[in-house]
Amino acid sequence: MNAGIDLTSPIAGYRLIEQLYSGSKTLVYRAIREIDRLPVVIKLLNRDYPSFSELLQFRNQYTIDKNLRLPRVVEPYSLESYRNSYTLVMEDFGGISLRQYAQDRCRRRVGEAPTLTLAEILEIAIQITDILDGLYRNRVIHKDIKPANVLIHPETKQIKLIDFSIASLLPRETQEIQNPNVLEGTLAYISPEQTGRMNRGIDY
């Protein structure tokens, strides 16, 4: 497993600016594409030798995302070879995760009211609903809708969805009962049928 990439080390054609995320499976960086100075976000697998399944999942993420062409879904620019794996290059519209945004806005001193107003919450909710409608119309099962995968621009309040790594284009999936430690998605946010503990499959 990588400890991360030194920001001075090369990903051919890109200049890394900052690390946005470091997880057990993936790393995410903000970067500049050198050929046209375009701001981008680069996502790569956090293993020197990823498995075939991990590589397939990465390609699946790019393919589904590329074919969606929804304005509220972060646009993937390219899937490029990198060492023994791939890098996924995506648009950078200046967003941060809704989770981070909510934490930043709701931090308060003793006696102060939260800074997220009802109007702001409704504006965010309407945009997320629009995203879900787009996924439904395209029969996409995202399977990991959560605040960390919803981006918001701090100034414009524009919302976009990311991370189609476990998404599916099947109209319906049958989920087997699994240990909670190996479930696809995030347990606190997944639908009951995604746990495999209901007598119905997952559908779009």
N, C-alpha and C. Protein backbone atom coordinates (compact mmCIF):
# COMPACT_ATOMS: atom_id res chain seq x y z
N MET A 1 0.84 -1.19 0.00
CA MET A 1 0.00 0.00 0.00
C MET A 1 0.87 1.24 0.00
N ASN A 2 0.42 2.28 -0.73
CA ASN A 2 1.14 3.55 -0.76
C ASN A 2 0.85 4.35 0.50
N ALA A 3 1.80 5.14 0.92
CA ALA A 3 1.56 6.09 2.01
C ALA A 3 1.07 7.41 1.45
N GLY A 4 0.83 7.44 0.13
CA GLY A 4 0.48 8.68 -0.53
C GLY A 4 1.60 9.04 -1.50
N ILE A 5 1.34 10.01 -2.33
CA ILE A 5 2.32 10.41 -3.33
C ILE A 5 2.91 11.75 -2.91
N ASP A 6 4.22 11.84 -2.99
CA ASP A 6 4.90 13.11 -2.75
C ASP A 6 4.40 14.10 -3.80
N LEU A 7 3.95 15.29 -3.37
CA LEU A 7 3.39 16.26 -4.30
C LEU A 7 4.39 16.70 -5.36
N THR A 8 5.67 16.47 -5.11
CA THR A 8 6.69 16.82 -6.11
C THR A 8 6.95 15.68 -7.08
N SER A 9 6.43 14.47 -6.78
CA SER A 9 6.65 13.33 -7.67
C SER A 9 5.67 13.41 -8.84
N PRO A 10 6.07 12.90 -10.00
CA PRO A 10 5.27 13.15 -11.20
C PRO A 10 4.12 12.17 -11.42
N ILE A 11 2.98 12.70 -11.84
CA ILE A 11 1.98 11.96 -12.58
C ILE A 11 2.02 12.64 -13.94
N ALA A 12 2.47 11.95 -14.95
CA ALA A 12 2.80 12.56 -16.24
C ALA A 12 1.70 13.49 -16.73
N GLY A 13 2.06 14.74 -16.98
CA GLY A 13 1.13 15.71 -17.53
C GLY A 13 0.37 16.53 -16.51
N TYR A 14 0.64 16.28 -15.20
CA TYR A 14 -0.11 16.98 -14.15
C TYR A 14 0.84 17.49 -13.06
N ARG A 15 0.46 18.61 -12.48
CA ARG A 15 1.20 19.13 -11.32
C ARG A 15 0.28 19.05 -10.11
N LEU A 16 0.64 18.24 -9.13
CA LEU A 16 -0.18 18.06 -7.94
C LEU A 16 -0.11 19.30 -7.05
N ILE A 17 -1.27 19.70 -6.54
CA ILE A 17 -1.36 20.89 -5.69
C ILE A 17 -1.53 20.53 -4.23
N GLU A 18 -2.51 19.66 -3.95
CA GLU A 18 -2.77 19.27 -2.56
C GLU A 18 -3.50 17.94 -2.52
N GLN A 19 -3.35 17.24 -1.40
CA GLN A 19 -4.09 16.00 -1.19
C GLN A 19 -5.43 16.34 -0.57
N LEU A 20 -6.51 15.84 -1.20
CA LEU A 20 -7.86 16.10 -0.71
C LEU A 20 -8.38 14.98 0.16
N TYR A 21 -7.90 13.75 -0.11
CA TYR A 21 -8.43 12.59 0.62
C TYR A 21 -7.41 11.47 0.59
N SER A 22 -7.30 10.77 1.71
CA SER A 22 -6.45 9.58 1.78
C SER A 22 -7.21 8.51 2.55
N GLY A 23 -7.60 7.46 1.85
CA GLY A 23 -8.34 6.38 2.48
C GLY A 23 -7.61 5.06 2.31
N SER A 24 -8.22 4.00 2.81
CA SER A 24 -7.58 2.69 2.72
C SER A 24 -7.53 2.18 1.28
N LYS A 25 -8.46 2.67 0.44
CA LYS A 25 -8.51 2.17 -0.94
C LYS A 25 -8.08 3.19 -1.98
N THR A 26 -8.34 4.48 -1.73
CA THR A 26 -8.06 5.48 -2.75
C THR A 26 -7.38 6.72 -2.19
N LEU A 27 -6.71 7.45 -3.09
CA LEU A 27 -6.13 8.75 -2.81
C LEU A 27 -6.72 9.75 -3.79
N VAL A 28 -6.94 10.98 -3.33
CA VAL A 28 -7.50 12.01 -4.21
C VAL A 28 -6.67 13.28 -4.08
N TYR A 29 -6.31 13.85 -5.23
CA TYR A 29 -5.48 15.05 -5.25
C TYR A 29 -6.12 16.14 -6.11
N ARG A 30 -5.90 17.38 -5.72
CA ARG A 30 -6.21 18.52 -6.59
C ARG A 30 -4.94 18.78 -7.41
N ALA A 31 -5.10 19.05 -8.72
CA ALA A 31 -3.94 19.19 -9.60
C ALA A 31 -4.23 20.17 -10.72
N ILE A 32 -3.18 20.48 -11.48
CA ILE A 32 -3.29 21.30 -12.69
C ILE A 32 -2.84 20.45 -13.87
N ARG A 33 -3.67 20.39 -14.92
CA ARG A 33 -3.27 19.69 -16.13
C ARG A 33 -2.33 20.61 -16.91
N GLU A 34 -1.13 20.16 -17.13
CA GLU A 34 -0.07 21.04 -17.65
C GLU A 34 -0.32 21.52 -19.08
N ILE A 35 -0.98 20.71 -19.90
CA ILE A 35 -1.14 21.06 -21.30
C ILE A 35 -2.00 22.30 -21.50
N ASP A 36 -2.99 22.51 -20.60
CA ASP A 36 -3.89 23.66 -20.77
C ASP A 36 -4.16 24.42 -19.47
N ARG A 37 -3.42 24.08 -18.41
CA ARG A 37 -3.55 24.74 -17.11
C ARG A 37 -4.95 24.56 -16.50
N LEU A 38 -5.62 23.49 -16.87
CA LEU A 38 -6.97 23.24 -16.35
C LEU A 38 -6.91 22.64 -14.95
N PRO A 39 -7.65 23.21 -13.98
CA PRO A 39 -7.72 22.59 -12.65
C PRO A 39 -8.47 21.26 -12.73
N VAL A 40 -7.92 20.23 -12.13
CA VAL A 40 -8.55 18.91 -12.15
C VAL A 40 -8.43 18.26 -10.77
N VAL A 41 -9.19 17.20 -10.60
CA VAL A 41 -9.06 16.34 -9.42
C VAL A 41 -8.64 14.97 -9.93
N ILE A 42 -7.64 14.38 -9.30
CA ILE A 42 -7.12 13.07 -9.71
C ILE A 42 -7.36 12.06 -8.59
N LYS A 43 -7.95 10.94 -8.97
CA LYS A 43 -8.21 9.86 -8.01
C LYS A 43 -7.43 8.63 -8.46
N LEU A 44 -6.76 7.97 -7.51
CA LEU A 44 -6.02 6.75 -7.84
C LEU A 44 -6.13 5.74 -6.71
N LEU A 45 -5.87 4.50 -7.05
CA LEU A 45 -5.93 3.43 -6.06
C LEU A 45 -4.72 3.49 -5.14
N ASN A 46 -4.96 3.21 -3.86
CA ASN A 46 -3.91 3.32 -2.85
C ASN A 46 -3.20 1.99 -2.63
N ARG A 47 -2.86 1.32 -3.73
CA ARG A 47 -2.09 0.08 -3.65
C ARG A 47 -1.13 0.02 -4.82
N ASP A 48 0.08 -0.46 -4.56
CA ASP A 48 1.06 -0.58 -5.64
C ASP A 48 0.65 -1.64 -6.66
N TYR A 49 -0.01 -2.70 -6.18
CA TYR A 49 -0.45 -3.78 -7.06
C TYR A 49 -1.92 -4.10 -6.80
N PRO A 50 -2.83 -3.30 -7.34
CA PRO A 50 -4.26 -3.53 -7.11
C PRO A 50 -4.72 -4.83 -7.76
N SER A 51 -5.77 -5.40 -7.21
CA SER A 51 -6.31 -6.64 -7.74
C SER A 51 -7.09 -6.37 -9.03
N PHE A 52 -7.38 -7.44 -9.77
CA PHE A 52 -8.17 -7.31 -11.00
C PHE A 52 -9.54 -6.71 -10.68
N SER A 53 -10.13 -7.14 -9.57
CA SER A 53 -11.44 -6.63 -9.16
C SER A 53 -11.40 -5.12 -8.90
N GLU A 54 -10.34 -4.65 -8.26
CA GLU A 54 -10.21 -3.21 -7.98
C GLU A 54 -10.04 -2.41 -9.27
N LEU A 55 -9.27 -2.95 -10.20
CA LEU A 55 -9.08 -2.27 -11.48
C LEU A 55 -10.38 -2.22 -12.28
N LEU A 56 -11.12 -3.32 -12.23
CA LEU A 56 -12.41 -3.40 -12.92
C LEU A 56 -13.40 -2.39 -12.33
N GLN A 57 -13.40 -2.28 -11.02
CA GLN A 57 -14.28 -1.33 -10.33
C GLN A 57 -13.94 0.10 -10.71
N PHE A 58 -12.66 0.38 -10.85
CA PHE A 58 -12.20 1.72 -11.23
C PHE A 58 -12.66 2.06 -12.64
N ARG A 59 -12.53 1.11 -13.56
CA ARG A 59 -12.98 1.32 -14.93
C ARG A 59 -14.50 1.46 -14.98
N ASN A 60 -15.18 0.69 -14.16
CA ASN A 60 -16.63 0.75 -14.10
C ASN A 60 -17.09 2.14 -13.67
N GLN A 61 -16.40 2.71 -12.68
CA GLN A 61 -16.71 4.04 -12.19
C GLN A 61 -16.62 5.06 -13.33
N TYR A 62 -15.53 4.99 -14.09
CA TYR A 62 -15.32 5.93 -15.19
C TYR A 62 -16.39 5.76 -16.26
N THR A 63 -16.68 4.52 -16.64
CA THR A 63 -17.62 4.25 -17.73
C THR A 63 -19.02 4.74 -17.40
N ILE A 64 -19.51 4.41 -16.21
CA ILE A 64 -20.86 4.84 -15.82
C ILE A 64 -20.93 6.36 -15.75
N ASP A 65 -19.95 6.96 -15.09
CA ASP A 65 -19.92 8.41 -14.92
C ASP A 65 -19.84 9.12 -16.27
N LYS A 66 -18.99 8.63 -17.17
CA LYS A 66 -18.80 9.26 -18.48
C LYS A 66 -20.07 9.25 -19.30
N ASN A 67 -20.82 8.16 -19.23
CA ASN A 67 -22.03 8.02 -20.04
C ASN A 67 -23.25 8.74 -19.48
N LEU A 68 -23.18 9.15 -18.21
CA LEU A 68 -24.32 9.82 -17.59
C LEU A 68 -24.56 11.21 -18.17
N ARG A 69 -23.50 12.03 -18.22
CA ARG A 69 -23.58 13.39 -18.73
C ARG A 69 -24.68 14.20 -18.05
N LEU A 70 -24.72 14.13 -16.75
CA LEU A 70 -25.67 14.92 -15.96
C LEU A 70 -24.94 16.15 -15.41
N PRO A 71 -25.57 17.33 -15.48
CA PRO A 71 -24.89 18.55 -15.04
C PRO A 71 -24.54 18.57 -13.56
N ARG A 72 -25.24 17.78 -12.75
CA ARG A 72 -24.97 17.76 -11.31
C ARG A 72 -24.12 16.56 -10.90
N VAL A 73 -23.48 15.92 -11.85
CA VAL A 73 -22.52 14.85 -11.57
C VAL A 73 -21.15 15.32 -12.04
N VAL A 74 -20.13 15.17 -11.19
CA VAL A 74 -18.78 15.62 -11.56
C VAL A 74 -18.33 14.89 -12.82
N GLU A 75 -17.88 15.66 -13.80
CA GLU A 75 -17.52 15.10 -15.11
C GLU A 75 -16.15 14.44 -15.09
N PRO A 76 -16.06 13.20 -15.54
CA PRO A 76 -14.74 12.57 -15.68
C PRO A 76 -14.13 12.97 -17.01
N TYR A 77 -12.86 13.38 -17.00
CA TYR A 77 -12.19 13.77 -18.23
C TYR A 77 -11.50 12.59 -18.90
N SER A 78 -10.81 11.78 -18.11
CA SER A 78 -10.05 10.66 -18.71
C SER A 78 -9.71 9.61 -17.67
N LEU A 79 -9.48 8.41 -18.15
CA LEU A 79 -8.96 7.31 -17.34
C LEU A 79 -7.60 6.97 -17.93
N GLU A 80 -6.52 7.17 -17.16
CA GLU A 80 -5.18 7.05 -17.69
C GLU A 80 -4.38 6.00 -16.92
N SER A 81 -3.47 5.35 -17.65
CA SER A 81 -2.60 4.36 -17.01
C SER A 81 -1.62 5.07 -16.08
N TYR A 82 -1.37 4.43 -14.93
CA TYR A 82 -0.40 4.98 -13.98
C TYR A 82 0.23 3.81 -13.23
N ARG A 83 1.53 3.60 -13.43
CA ARG A 83 2.25 2.47 -12.83
C ARG A 83 1.51 1.18 -13.12
N ASN A 84 1.05 0.46 -12.09
CA ASN A 84 0.33 -0.80 -12.31
C ASN A 84 -1.17 -0.61 -12.22
N SER A 85 -1.63 0.61 -12.38
CA SER A 85 -3.03 0.91 -12.12
C SER A 85 -3.53 1.99 -13.07
N TYR A 86 -4.53 2.76 -12.61
CA TYR A 86 -5.10 3.85 -13.37
C TYR A 86 -5.15 5.11 -12.51
N THR A 87 -5.28 6.25 -13.20
CA THR A 87 -5.69 7.48 -12.54
C THR A 87 -6.98 7.93 -13.21
N LEU A 88 -7.92 8.39 -12.41
CA LEU A 88 -9.17 8.94 -12.92
C LEU A 88 -9.08 10.46 -12.79
N VAL A 89 -9.14 11.15 -13.92
CA VAL A 89 -9.01 12.61 -13.95
C VAL A 89 -10.40 13.21 -14.13
N MET A 90 -10.77 14.10 -13.20
CA MET A 90 -12.13 14.65 -13.18
C MET A 90 -12.09 16.18 -13.10
N GLU A 91 -13.24 16.78 -13.39
CA GLU A 91 -13.34 18.23 -13.28
C GLU A 91 -13.18 18.67 -11.82
N ASP A 92 -12.64 19.86 -11.66
CA ASP A 92 -12.53 20.48 -10.33
C ASP A 92 -13.33 21.78 -10.37
N PHE A 93 -14.52 21.75 -9.80
CA PHE A 93 -15.35 22.96 -9.81
C PHE A 93 -15.23 23.74 -8.50
N GLY A 94 -14.23 23.36 -7.68
CA GLY A 94 -13.99 24.08 -6.44
C GLY A 94 -14.83 23.62 -5.27
N GLY A 95 -15.43 22.44 -5.40
CA GLY A 95 -16.32 21.95 -4.34
C GLY A 95 -15.58 21.26 -3.20
N ILE A 96 -16.25 21.21 -2.06
CA ILE A 96 -15.80 20.43 -0.92
C ILE A 96 -16.94 19.49 -0.54
N SER A 97 -16.65 18.47 0.26
CA SER A 97 -17.71 17.52 0.60
C SER A 97 -18.78 18.20 1.45
N LEU A 98 -20.01 17.76 1.27
CA LEU A 98 -21.11 18.29 2.06
C LEU A 98 -20.87 18.03 3.55
N ARG A 99 -20.22 16.93 3.83
CA ARG A 99 -19.88 16.61 5.22
C ARG A 99 -18.97 17.69 5.80
N GLN A 100 -17.90 18.03 5.06
CA GLN A 100 -16.98 19.06 5.54
C GLN A 100 -17.67 20.42 5.62
N TYR A 101 -18.49 20.73 4.61
CA TYR A 101 -19.20 22.01 4.58
C TYR A 101 -20.11 22.17 5.80
N ALA A 102 -20.87 21.12 6.09
CA ALA A 102 -21.79 21.16 7.23
C ALA A 102 -21.03 21.29 8.54
N GLN A 103 -19.91 20.57 8.65
CA GLN A 103 -19.10 20.67 9.88
C GLN A 103 -18.53 22.07 10.05
N ASP A 104 -18.02 22.65 8.95
CA ASP A 104 -17.46 23.99 9.01
C ASP A 104 -18.52 25.03 9.36
N ARG A 105 -19.69 24.91 8.75
CA ARG A 105 -20.74 25.90 8.97
C ARG A 105 -21.42 25.76 10.32
N CYS A 106 -21.44 24.56 10.86
CA CYS A 106 -22.17 24.33 12.11
C CYS A 106 -21.28 24.39 13.35
N ARG A 107 -19.98 24.60 13.15
CA ARG A 107 -19.12 24.81 14.32
C ARG A 107 -19.54 26.10 14.98
N ARG A 108 -19.66 26.07 16.25
CA ARG A 108 -20.15 27.26 16.94
C ARG A 108 -19.57 27.35 18.34
N ARG A 109 -19.58 28.54 18.86
CA ARG A 109 -19.20 28.72 20.25
C ARG A 109 -20.42 28.49 21.12
N VAL A 110 -20.18 28.34 22.40
CA VAL A 110 -21.28 28.12 23.34
C VAL A 110 -22.25 29.29 23.25
N GLY A 111 -23.54 28.98 23.06
CA GLY A 111 -24.56 30.01 23.01
C GLY A 111 -24.89 30.50 21.61
N GLU A 112 -24.06 30.15 20.60
CA GLU A 112 -24.32 30.58 19.24
C GLU A 112 -25.19 29.56 18.52
N ALA A 113 -26.05 30.06 17.63
CA ALA A 113 -26.92 29.19 16.85
C ALA A 113 -26.15 28.61 15.67
N PRO A 114 -26.54 27.42 15.19
CA PRO A 114 -25.91 26.87 13.98
C PRO A 114 -26.06 27.85 12.81
N THR A 115 -25.10 27.85 11.91
CA THR A 115 -25.12 28.83 10.83
C THR A 115 -25.80 28.33 9.55
N LEU A 116 -26.18 27.06 9.48
CA LEU A 116 -26.95 26.56 8.33
C LEU A 116 -28.42 26.90 8.54
N THR A 117 -28.96 27.71 7.67
CA THR A 117 -30.37 28.11 7.81
C THR A 117 -31.27 27.09 7.14
N LEU A 118 -32.55 27.16 7.45
CA LEU A 118 -33.52 26.26 6.83
C LEU A 118 -33.55 26.46 5.32
N ALA A 119 -33.44 27.71 4.87
CA ALA A 119 -33.44 28.00 3.43
C ALA A 119 -32.24 27.33 2.74
N GLU A 120 -31.07 27.36 3.39
CA GLU A 120 -29.88 26.73 2.82
C GLU A 120 -30.05 25.21 2.76
N ILE A 121 -30.59 24.65 3.82
CA ILE A 121 -30.81 23.20 3.86
C ILE A 121 -31.76 22.77 2.76
N LEU A 122 -32.84 23.54 2.54
CA LEU A 122 -33.81 23.21 1.49
C LEU A 122 -33.18 23.36 0.10
N GLU A 123 -32.35 24.37 -0.09
CA GLU A 123 -31.68 24.57 -1.38
C GLU A 123 -30.78 23.38 -1.70
N ILE A 124 -30.04 22.91 -0.69
CA ILE A 124 -29.19 21.74 -0.85
C ILE A 124 -30.02 20.50 -1.15
N ALA A 125 -31.10 20.32 -0.40
CA ALA A 125 -31.97 19.14 -0.56
C ALA A 125 -32.60 19.09 -1.94
N ILE A 126 -33.01 20.23 -2.47
CA ILE A 126 -33.63 20.27 -3.80
C ILE A 126 -32.63 19.85 -4.87
N GLN A 127 -31.39 20.31 -4.75
CA GLN A 127 -30.37 19.93 -5.73
C GLN A 127 -30.05 18.44 -5.65
N ILE A 128 -29.99 17.90 -4.44
CA ILE A 128 -29.73 16.47 -4.28
C ILE A 128 -30.89 15.66 -4.86
N THR A 129 -32.10 16.12 -4.66
CA THR A 129 -33.28 15.45 -5.23
C THR A 129 -33.20 15.44 -6.75
N ASP A 130 -32.72 16.54 -7.34
CA ASP A 130 -32.56 16.63 -8.78
C ASP A 130 -31.54 15.60 -9.27
N ILE A 131 -30.47 15.42 -8.50
CA ILE A 131 -29.45 14.41 -8.83
C ILE A 131 -30.07 13.01 -8.81
N LEU A 132 -30.81 12.72 -7.75
CA LEU A 132 -31.43 11.40 -7.61
C LEU A 132 -32.41 11.13 -8.75
N ASP A 133 -33.13 12.17 -9.18
CA ASP A 133 -34.06 12.04 -10.31
C ASP A 133 -33.29 11.68 -11.58
N GLY A 134 -32.12 12.33 -11.78
CA GLY A 134 -31.30 12.02 -12.95
C GLY A 134 -30.80 10.59 -12.94
N LEU A 135 -30.38 10.12 -11.77
CA LEU A 135 -29.92 8.73 -11.65
C LEU A 135 -31.07 7.76 -11.93
N TYR A 136 -32.25 8.06 -11.40
CA TYR A 136 -33.42 7.22 -11.61
C TYR A 136 -33.76 7.13 -13.10
N ARG A 137 -33.74 8.27 -13.79
CA ARG A 137 -34.08 8.29 -15.21
C ARG A 137 -33.06 7.52 -16.05
N ASN A 138 -31.84 7.43 -15.56
CA ASN A 138 -30.81 6.68 -16.27
C ASN A 138 -30.63 5.27 -15.72
N ARG A 139 -31.49 4.87 -14.78
CA ARG A 139 -31.48 3.53 -14.20
C ARG A 139 -30.13 3.18 -13.56
N VAL A 140 -29.55 4.15 -12.89
CA VAL A 140 -28.27 3.93 -12.21
C VAL A 140 -28.51 3.71 -10.73
N ILE A 141 -27.91 2.66 -10.18
CA ILE A 141 -27.94 2.41 -8.74
C ILE A 141 -26.58 2.85 -8.21
N HIS A 142 -26.53 3.98 -7.50
CA HIS A 142 -25.25 4.53 -7.03
C HIS A 142 -24.70 3.71 -5.87
N LYS A 143 -25.53 3.38 -4.92
CA LYS A 143 -25.22 2.52 -3.76
C LYS A 143 -24.32 3.15 -2.69
N ASP A 144 -23.98 4.43 -2.84
CA ASP A 144 -23.17 5.06 -1.78
C ASP A 144 -23.44 6.57 -1.69
N ILE A 145 -24.73 6.92 -1.67
CA ILE A 145 -25.11 8.32 -1.50
C ILE A 145 -24.92 8.69 -0.03
N LYS A 146 -24.01 9.62 0.23
CA LYS A 146 -23.71 10.05 1.59
C LYS A 146 -23.07 11.44 1.52
N PRO A 147 -23.03 12.17 2.63
CA PRO A 147 -22.47 13.54 2.61
C PRO A 147 -21.05 13.63 2.08
N ALA A 148 -20.23 12.59 2.27
CA ALA A 148 -18.85 12.63 1.79
C ALA A 148 -18.77 12.54 0.26
N ASN A 149 -19.84 12.02 -0.38
CA ASN A 149 -19.85 11.88 -1.84
C ASN A 149 -20.68 12.94 -2.54
N VAL A 150 -21.16 13.91 -1.78
CA VAL A 150 -21.88 15.06 -2.35
C VAL A 150 -20.98 16.28 -2.16
N LEU A 151 -20.63 16.94 -3.27
CA LEU A 151 -19.78 18.12 -3.19
C LEU A 151 -20.61 19.39 -3.29
N ILE A 152 -20.18 20.43 -2.59
CA ILE A 152 -20.85 21.72 -2.64
C ILE A 152 -19.79 22.81 -2.81
N HIS A 153 -20.07 23.76 -3.70
CA HIS A 153 -19.18 24.91 -3.84
C HIS A 153 -19.49 25.89 -2.72
N PRO A 154 -18.52 26.25 -1.89
CA PRO A 154 -18.81 27.07 -0.71
C PRO A 154 -19.43 28.43 -1.03
N GLU A 155 -19.15 28.97 -2.22
CA GLU A 155 -19.67 30.30 -2.56
C GLU A 155 -20.98 30.22 -3.34
N THR A 156 -20.99 29.43 -4.42
CA THR A 156 -22.18 29.38 -5.29
C THR A 156 -23.25 28.44 -4.76
N LYS A 157 -22.87 27.55 -3.86
CA LYS A 157 -23.76 26.51 -3.30
C LYS A 157 -24.17 25.47 -4.33
N GLN A 158 -23.45 25.40 -5.44
CA GLN A 158 -23.72 24.38 -6.45
C GLN A 158 -23.37 23.01 -5.90
N ILE A 159 -24.24 22.04 -6.16
CA ILE A 159 -24.07 20.67 -5.65
C ILE A 159 -23.74 19.73 -6.81
N LYS A 160 -22.79 18.81 -6.58
CA LYS A 160 -22.49 17.77 -7.56
C LYS A 160 -22.20 16.46 -6.83
N LEU A 161 -22.50 15.35 -7.49
CA LEU A 161 -22.30 14.01 -6.93
C LEU A 161 -21.01 13.40 -7.48
N ILE A 162 -20.31 12.64 -6.63
CA ILE A 162 -19.10 11.94 -7.04
C ILE A 162 -19.16 10.46 -6.65
N ASP A 163 -18.15 9.71 -7.07
CA ASP A 163 -17.86 8.34 -6.64
C ASP A 163 -18.89 7.31 -7.08
N PHE A 164 -18.70 6.82 -8.32
CA PHE A 164 -19.55 5.77 -8.86
C PHE A 164 -18.82 4.42 -8.83
N SER A 165 -17.90 4.26 -7.86
CA SER A 165 -17.04 3.07 -7.84
C SER A 165 -17.81 1.78 -7.60
N ILE A 166 -18.94 1.83 -6.90
CA ILE A 166 -19.72 0.60 -6.69
C ILE A 166 -21.09 0.70 -7.34
N ALA A 167 -21.24 1.67 -8.25
CA ALA A 167 -22.53 1.87 -8.92
C ALA A 167 -22.81 0.75 -9.90
N SER A 168 -24.08 0.62 -10.25
CA SER A 168 -24.52 -0.43 -11.16
C SER A 168 -25.53 0.13 -12.15
N LEU A 169 -25.50 -0.39 -13.38
CA LEU A 169 -26.49 -0.03 -14.40
C LEU A 169 -27.58 -1.09 -14.52
N LEU A 170 -27.50 -2.15 -13.73
CA LEU A 170 -28.53 -3.18 -13.77
C LEU A 170 -29.84 -2.63 -13.23
N PRO A 171 -30.99 -2.96 -13.87
CA PRO A 171 -32.27 -2.51 -13.32
C PRO A 171 -32.52 -3.02 -11.91
N ARG A 172 -31.94 -4.19 -11.59
CA ARG A 172 -32.14 -4.77 -10.27
C ARG A 172 -30.94 -5.63 -9.91
N GLU A 173 -30.57 -5.62 -8.63
CA GLU A 173 -29.51 -6.49 -8.12
C GLU A 173 -30.04 -7.29 -6.96
N THR A 174 -29.55 -8.50 -6.81
CA THR A 174 -29.87 -9.30 -5.63
C THR A 174 -28.66 -9.29 -4.71
N GLN A 175 -28.88 -8.84 -3.50
CA GLN A 175 -27.78 -8.72 -2.54
C GLN A 175 -27.81 -9.91 -1.58
N GLU A 176 -26.67 -10.55 -1.40
CA GLU A 176 -26.58 -11.65 -0.44
C GLU A 176 -26.29 -11.09 0.95
N ILE A 177 -26.69 -11.85 1.97
CA ILE A 177 -26.40 -11.44 3.34
C ILE A 177 -24.89 -11.44 3.54
N GLN A 178 -24.37 -10.33 4.08
CA GLN A 178 -22.94 -10.20 4.26
C GLN A 178 -22.63 -9.69 5.65
N ASN A 179 -21.39 -9.91 6.05
CA ASN A 179 -20.88 -9.32 7.28
C ASN A 179 -20.89 -7.81 7.13
N PRO A 180 -21.37 -7.04 8.14
CA PRO A 180 -21.39 -5.57 8.02
C PRO A 180 -20.04 -4.96 7.70
N ASN A 181 -18.95 -5.68 8.02
CA ASN A 181 -17.62 -5.14 7.75
C ASN A 181 -17.23 -5.21 6.28
N VAL A 182 -17.98 -5.98 5.47
CA VAL A 182 -17.63 -6.11 4.05
C VAL A 182 -18.77 -5.65 3.13
N LEU A 183 -19.74 -4.94 3.65
CA LEU A 183 -20.83 -4.42 2.83
C LEU A 183 -20.32 -3.38 1.85
N GLU A 184 -20.94 -3.35 0.65
CA GLU A 184 -20.67 -2.25 -0.28
C GLU A 184 -21.42 -1.02 0.22
N GLY A 185 -20.75 0.12 0.17
CA GLY A 185 -21.39 1.34 0.65
C GLY A 185 -21.05 1.60 2.11
N THR A 186 -21.75 2.57 2.67
CA THR A 186 -21.51 2.99 4.05
C THR A 186 -22.73 2.64 4.89
N LEU A 187 -22.56 1.82 5.89
CA LEU A 187 -23.68 1.23 6.63
C LEU A 187 -24.69 2.27 7.12
N ALA A 188 -24.21 3.42 7.58
CA ALA A 188 -25.12 4.44 8.13
C ALA A 188 -26.03 5.04 7.06
N TYR A 189 -25.70 4.87 5.77
CA TYR A 189 -26.46 5.55 4.71
C TYR A 189 -27.11 4.61 3.70
N ILE A 190 -26.79 3.32 3.71
CA ILE A 190 -27.31 2.44 2.68
C ILE A 190 -28.77 2.08 2.94
N SER A 191 -29.45 1.67 1.87
CA SER A 191 -30.84 1.24 1.99
C SER A 191 -30.89 -0.13 2.66
N PRO A 192 -32.00 -0.45 3.33
CA PRO A 192 -32.10 -1.75 4.03
C PRO A 192 -31.87 -2.94 3.10
N GLU A 193 -32.39 -2.86 1.86
CA GLU A 193 -32.22 -4.01 0.96
C GLU A 193 -30.77 -4.19 0.52
N GLN A 194 -29.95 -3.14 0.65
CA GLN A 194 -28.54 -3.25 0.28
C GLN A 194 -27.75 -4.08 1.28
N THR A 195 -28.29 -4.27 2.48
CA THR A 195 -27.61 -5.07 3.49
C THR A 195 -27.76 -6.57 3.22
N GLY A 196 -28.70 -6.95 2.34
CA GLY A 196 -28.95 -8.36 2.08
C GLY A 196 -29.83 -9.01 3.13
N ARG A 197 -30.38 -8.21 4.03
CA ARG A 197 -31.18 -8.75 5.14
C ARG A 197 -32.68 -8.53 4.94
N MET A 198 -33.08 -8.28 3.69
CA MET A 198 -34.49 -8.15 3.36
C MET A 198 -34.81 -9.09 2.20
N ASN A 199 -36.08 -9.41 2.05
CA ASN A 199 -36.47 -10.34 0.99
C ASN A 199 -36.78 -9.59 -0.30
N ARG A 200 -35.93 -8.62 -0.65
CA ARG A 200 -36.10 -7.91 -1.92
C ARG A 200 -34.73 -7.43 -2.40
N GLY A 201 -34.60 -7.27 -3.72
CA GLY A 201 -33.34 -6.84 -4.29
C GLY A 201 -33.21 -5.32 -4.32
N ILE A 202 -32.04 -4.86 -4.75
CA ILE A 202 -31.78 -3.43 -4.93
C ILE A 202 -32.22 -3.05 -6.33
N ASP A 203 -32.97 -1.96 -6.47
CA ASP A 203 -33.30 -1.49 -7.82
C ASP A 203 -33.07 0.01 -7.90
N TYR A 204 -33.13 0.51 -9.12
CA TYR A 204 -32.82 1.93 -9.33
C TYR A 204 -33.90 2.83 -8.78
